Protein backbone atom coordinates (compact mmCIF):
# COMPACT_ATOMS: atom_id res chain seq x y z
CA MET A 1 -7.81 1.18 18.16
CA ILE A 2 -4.43 2.21 17.11
CA HIS A 3 -3.11 1.65 13.43
CA GLU A 4 0.31 1.43 13.40
CA ARG A 5 2.49 2.03 10.34
CA PHE A 6 3.68 -1.70 8.44
CA THR A 7 6.99 -1.39 7.02
CA VAL A 8 8.23 -3.18 3.79
CA THR A 9 11.87 -2.89 3.02
CA VAL A 10 12.45 -2.93 -0.89
CA ASP A 11 16.18 -2.97 -2.66
CA VAL A 12 15.98 -0.92 -5.84
CA GLN A 13 16.71 -3.34 -8.57
CA PRO A 14 18.73 -2.60 -12.00
CA ASP A 15 15.02 -3.19 -13.99
CA ASP A 16 13.53 -0.36 -11.47
CA ILE A 17 15.78 2.35 -13.31
CA ASP A 18 14.48 4.23 -16.12
CA VAL A 19 16.43 6.66 -18.86
CA GLN A 20 17.02 8.81 -16.03
CA GLU A 21 19.08 7.28 -14.18
CA HIS A 22 16.67 6.74 -11.19
CA VAL A 23 13.53 4.53 -9.77
CA ASN A 24 10.85 4.98 -12.69
CA ASN A 25 7.56 6.34 -10.98
CA ILE A 26 5.49 3.24 -11.98
CA VAL A 27 7.72 1.20 -9.42
CA TYR A 28 6.82 3.11 -6.77
CA LEU A 29 3.16 2.56 -7.61
CA ARG A 30 4.19 -1.16 -7.24
CA TRP A 31 5.45 -1.13 -4.17
CA VAL A 32 2.66 1.13 -2.62
CA GLN A 33 0.68 -2.29 -4.28
CA ASP A 34 3.23 -4.90 -2.84
CA ALA A 35 3.10 -2.93 0.98
CA ALA A 36 -0.67 -2.77 0.94
CA VAL A 37 -0.94 -6.42 -0.21
CA ALA A 38 1.57 -8.02 2.13
CA HIS A 39 0.04 -5.78 5.31
CA TRP A 40 -3.53 -7.89 4.37
CA ASN A 41 -1.84 -10.92 3.95
CA ALA A 42 -0.14 -10.57 7.64
CA ILE A 43 -2.65 -9.35 9.49
CA ALA A 44 -6.19 -10.35 7.79
CA PRO A 45 -7.60 -13.58 9.30
CA HIS A 46 -7.17 -16.52 7.03
CA HIS A 47 -11.10 -16.98 6.70
CA GLU A 48 -11.36 -13.50 5.40
CA LYS A 49 -8.20 -13.77 2.88
CA GLU A 50 -10.07 -16.67 1.34
CA THR A 51 -13.58 -14.97 0.67
CA LEU A 52 -12.19 -11.64 0.09
CA THR A 53 -10.06 -9.22 -2.29
CA TRP A 54 -9.68 -6.01 -3.19
CA VAL A 55 -9.06 -3.53 -6.13
CA VAL A 56 -7.67 -0.15 -6.34
CA ARG A 57 -9.98 2.44 -7.39
CA ARG A 58 -7.87 5.38 -7.23
CA HIS A 59 -4.21 6.50 -6.73
CA GLU A 60 -2.53 9.53 -6.06
CA ILE A 61 1.15 10.08 -5.37
CA ASP A 62 3.81 12.79 -4.74
CA TYR A 63 7.13 12.39 -5.68
CA LYS A 64 9.57 14.16 -3.71
CA LYS A 65 13.11 13.11 -4.45
CA PRO A 66 14.66 10.33 -6.68
CA ALA A 67 15.80 6.68 -5.85
CA ILE A 68 18.68 5.60 -7.60
CA ARG A 69 20.74 2.53 -8.16
CA GLY A 70 21.74 0.82 -4.66
CA ASP A 71 19.12 2.79 -2.75
CA THR A 72 17.50 0.46 0.05
CA ILE A 73 13.87 1.60 0.36
CA LEU A 74 11.68 1.37 3.34
CA VAL A 75 7.99 1.50 2.16
CA GLN A 76 5.60 1.92 5.37
CA THR A 77 1.79 1.79 5.04
CA TRP A 78 -0.96 2.50 7.11
CA ILE A 79 -4.89 2.77 7.14
CA GLY A 80 -6.83 5.50 6.99
CA ALA A 81 -10.33 6.28 6.96
CA ALA A 82 -13.06 4.02 5.31
CA SER A 83 -16.77 4.76 3.98
CA ARG A 84 -18.78 1.50 3.16
CA LEU A 85 -17.17 0.24 0.34
CA ALA A 86 -13.57 2.93 0.06
CA PHE A 87 -10.80 1.97 2.04
CA ASP A 88 -7.99 4.71 2.00
CA ARG A 89 -4.52 3.54 2.61
CA HIS A 90 -1.72 5.63 2.79
CA THR A 91 2.25 4.98 2.19
CA GLU A 92 5.28 6.90 2.16
CA MET A 93 8.56 5.41 0.50
CA LEU A 94 11.73 6.58 2.09
CA ARG A 95 15.42 5.94 1.81
CA ALA A 96 17.03 3.31 4.32
CA SER A 97 20.31 5.18 4.53
CA ASP A 98 18.96 8.65 5.71
CA LEU A 99 14.97 8.24 5.94
CA ARG A 100 14.72 10.76 3.38
CA LEU A 101 11.30 10.96 2.38
CA LEU A 102 11.21 10.11 -2.01
CA ALA A 103 7.17 9.82 -2.38
CA VAL A 104 3.82 10.07 -0.73
CA ALA A 105 0.80 7.99 -1.54
CA ARG A 106 -2.83 7.86 -0.54
CA THR A 107 -4.43 4.62 -2.27
CA VAL A 108 -8.29 3.89 -2.29
CA TRP A 109 -9.09 0.18 -2.20
CA CYS A 110 -12.41 -1.48 -2.50
CA PRO A 111 -13.77 -4.90 -1.20
CA VAL A 112 -14.58 -7.60 -3.37
CA GLU A 113 -15.96 -10.58 -2.89
CA ARG A 114 -13.70 -13.30 -4.76
CA LYS A 115 -16.52 -15.98 -6.17
CA THR A 116 -18.95 -13.02 -7.74
CA GLY A 117 -16.12 -10.09 -8.53
CA ARG A 118 -18.60 -7.61 -7.37
CA LEU A 119 -18.22 -5.10 -4.90
CA THR A 120 -18.99 -6.25 -1.17
CA ASP A 121 -19.42 -5.22 2.42
CA VAL A 122 -16.86 -6.26 5.25
CA SER A 123 -17.45 -8.18 8.39
CA PRO A 124 -16.78 -5.51 11.58
CA GLU A 125 -13.59 -7.66 12.18
CA ILE A 126 -11.79 -6.40 8.70
CA ARG A 127 -13.25 -2.99 9.47
CA SER A 128 -11.62 -2.57 12.50
CA LEU A 129 -8.44 -3.70 11.14
CA PHE A 130 -8.47 -1.39 7.84
CA SER A 131 -10.05 1.35 8.74
CA SER A 132 -9.11 4.36 11.28
CA GLY A 133 -12.75 4.78 11.85
CA GLN A 134 -12.12 8.54 11.36
């Protein structure tokens, strides 16, 4: 299965700006998480969303260029490889006006059963939707 990029567009908000007059690093992590959740909500079957949720085990992020006041950002996310309980997700943040790469992230997500709060295996359907199989 070919997994395409899922894109969320965000506008830099005044509260996103730090004392250095650019978007604070923690905001990029919020965008990474928001894009992943939006992707999950867009393609996961309803019955799976009722029983399964995800927690982050690891974030890696490389900051390339600053986002500033007035920027619109394209947050593009796509899935990567997975093991039994660890699912890689990749994200790039680009300035919409010039497609300049601002940051690159890799996040490891773990599936959790909503009722118990414990790590859980996922169905073959979810594995096919959220794992590249690599």
